[in-house]
Amino acid sequence: MGKGRAKFAQFLLSCGANDFGGTLINESISSTAGAKFGQYMSPKEIRRLIFDAKRIPAQRTTTYSIIRIFKDINEVSDIPLEKIEWSEEKFGSYFS
C-alpha cells in the first residue's frame, strides 16, 4: 500500500471506519480487476498505522468477535501472517 493510500486509510479511521480491511497474501481480487499496485501489508504495519491514527488495533474473527486487543505498538504477535515476508519471487505477480 502506498503512503498516500495508507494516510487515506488512517483518515477513514478518524471518520468512523472501524475495519482496516483484511490482510491478503498474493491477493488476486484487486489485481484481476485492473489495480496497478499490490495490496499486501503486513499485520505489524497495519497495527502501526492504526496506532499512528490514535486508534487501538484488535484482531477479530470473520464474524467480528474480538480475539485480541493490541495495547502496545511493539507487542509481539503469534499471528501466522507475521512470519511471512512478501516477495514477488516467492508469491508471484499477476502482472508478470
Protein backbone atom coordinates (compact mmCIF):
# COMPACT_ATOMS: atom_id res chain seq x y z
CA MET A 1 0.00 0.00 0.00
CA GLY A 2 1.45 3.34 -0.99
CA LYS A 3 1.96 6.12 1.54
CA GLY A 4 -0.96 8.12 0.15
CA ARG A 5 -3.31 5.17 0.45
CA ALA A 6 -2.08 4.41 3.97
CA LYS A 7 -2.70 8.03 5.02
CA PHE A 8 -6.17 7.90 3.47
CA ALA A 9 -6.92 4.69 5.39
CA GLN A 10 -5.86 6.46 8.61
CA PHE A 11 -8.13 9.38 7.71
CA LEU A 12 -11.05 7.00 7.22
CA LEU A 13 -10.46 5.61 10.73
CA SER A 14 -10.87 9.17 12.05
CA CYS A 15 -14.17 9.40 10.15
CA GLY A 16 -15.66 6.38 11.87
CA ALA A 17 -14.43 3.41 9.86
CA ASN A 18 -13.64 0.55 12.23
CA ASP A 19 -12.15 -2.05 9.92
CA PHE A 20 -8.80 -1.64 8.21
CA GLY A 21 -9.64 -4.50 5.88
CA GLY A 22 -8.16 -7.94 5.61
CA THR A 23 -4.56 -8.87 5.24
CA LEU A 24 -4.22 -10.72 1.97
CA ILE A 25 -1.20 -12.62 0.76
CA ASN A 26 -0.83 -12.59 -3.02
CA GLU A 27 -4.38 -11.36 -3.31
CA SER A 28 -5.96 -11.51 -6.74
CA ILE A 29 -9.23 -9.59 -6.47
CA SER A 30 -7.81 -6.08 -6.93
CA SER A 31 -5.18 -7.03 -9.47
CA THR A 32 -7.65 -9.06 -11.52
CA ALA A 33 -9.92 -6.01 -11.55
CA GLY A 34 -7.06 -3.96 -13.00
CA ALA A 35 -5.30 -2.43 -9.98
CA LYS A 36 -1.76 -1.43 -10.85
CA PHE A 37 -0.32 -1.87 -7.34
CA GLY A 38 -0.18 -4.74 -4.88
CA GLN A 39 -2.31 -4.70 -1.77
CA TYR A 40 -0.19 -6.70 0.69
CA MET A 41 0.55 -5.05 4.00
CA SER A 42 1.89 -6.94 6.99
CA PRO A 43 -0.25 -7.15 10.14
CA LYS A 44 2.52 -5.31 12.04
CA GLU A 45 2.42 -2.42 9.56
CA ILE A 46 -1.39 -2.29 9.74
CA ARG A 47 -1.20 -2.09 13.54
CA ARG A 48 1.42 0.67 13.33
CA LEU A 49 -0.83 2.74 11.06
CA ILE A 50 -3.77 2.20 13.40
CA PHE A 51 -1.72 3.27 16.43
CA ASP A 52 -0.42 6.30 14.48
CA ALA A 53 -4.06 7.23 13.80
CA LYS A 54 -4.62 7.25 17.59
CA ARG A 55 -6.80 4.12 17.47
CA ILE A 56 -6.43 0.73 19.16
CA PRO A 57 -5.94 -2.25 16.84
CA ALA A 58 -7.73 -5.52 17.51
CA GLN A 59 -7.59 -8.90 15.82
CA ARG A 60 -11.07 -10.22 15.02
CA THR A 61 -12.64 -13.32 13.55
CA THR A 62 -14.55 -13.31 10.27
CA THR A 63 -17.71 -12.80 12.35
CA TYR A 64 -16.13 -9.79 14.12
CA SER A 65 -15.61 -11.41 17.53
CA ILE A 66 -12.53 -9.89 19.13
CA ILE A 67 -9.66 -12.34 19.53
CA ARG A 68 -7.08 -9.90 20.84
CA ILE A 69 -6.63 -6.21 21.53
CA PHE A 70 -3.14 -4.82 20.94
CA LYS A 71 -2.15 -2.40 23.69
CA ASP A 72 1.39 -1.58 22.56
CA ILE A 73 2.90 -0.86 19.16
CA ASN A 74 5.84 -3.19 19.88
CA GLU A 75 3.69 -6.06 21.13
CA VAL A 76 4.81 -9.40 19.72
CA SER A 77 2.12 -11.37 17.94
CA ASP A 78 1.74 -15.06 17.23
CA ILE A 79 -0.35 -14.38 14.11
CA PRO A 80 0.96 -16.75 11.39
CA LEU A 81 0.91 -13.93 8.81
CA GLU A 82 3.53 -12.11 10.90
CA LYS A 83 6.12 -14.67 9.82
CA ILE A 84 5.54 -14.21 6.08
CA GLU A 85 7.81 -11.91 4.14
CA TRP A 86 6.21 -10.97 0.85
CA SER A 87 8.29 -11.01 -2.27
CA GLU A 88 7.26 -11.19 -5.91
CA GLU A 89 9.75 -14.01 -6.41
CA LYS A 90 8.12 -16.08 -3.67
CA PHE A 91 4.43 -15.36 -4.30
CA GLY A 92 4.43 -14.27 -7.92
CA SER A 93 2.69 -11.41 -9.61
CA TYR A 94 -0.44 -11.23 -11.70
CA PHE A 95 1.26 -8.71 -13.97
CA SER A 96 4.41 -10.67 -14.78
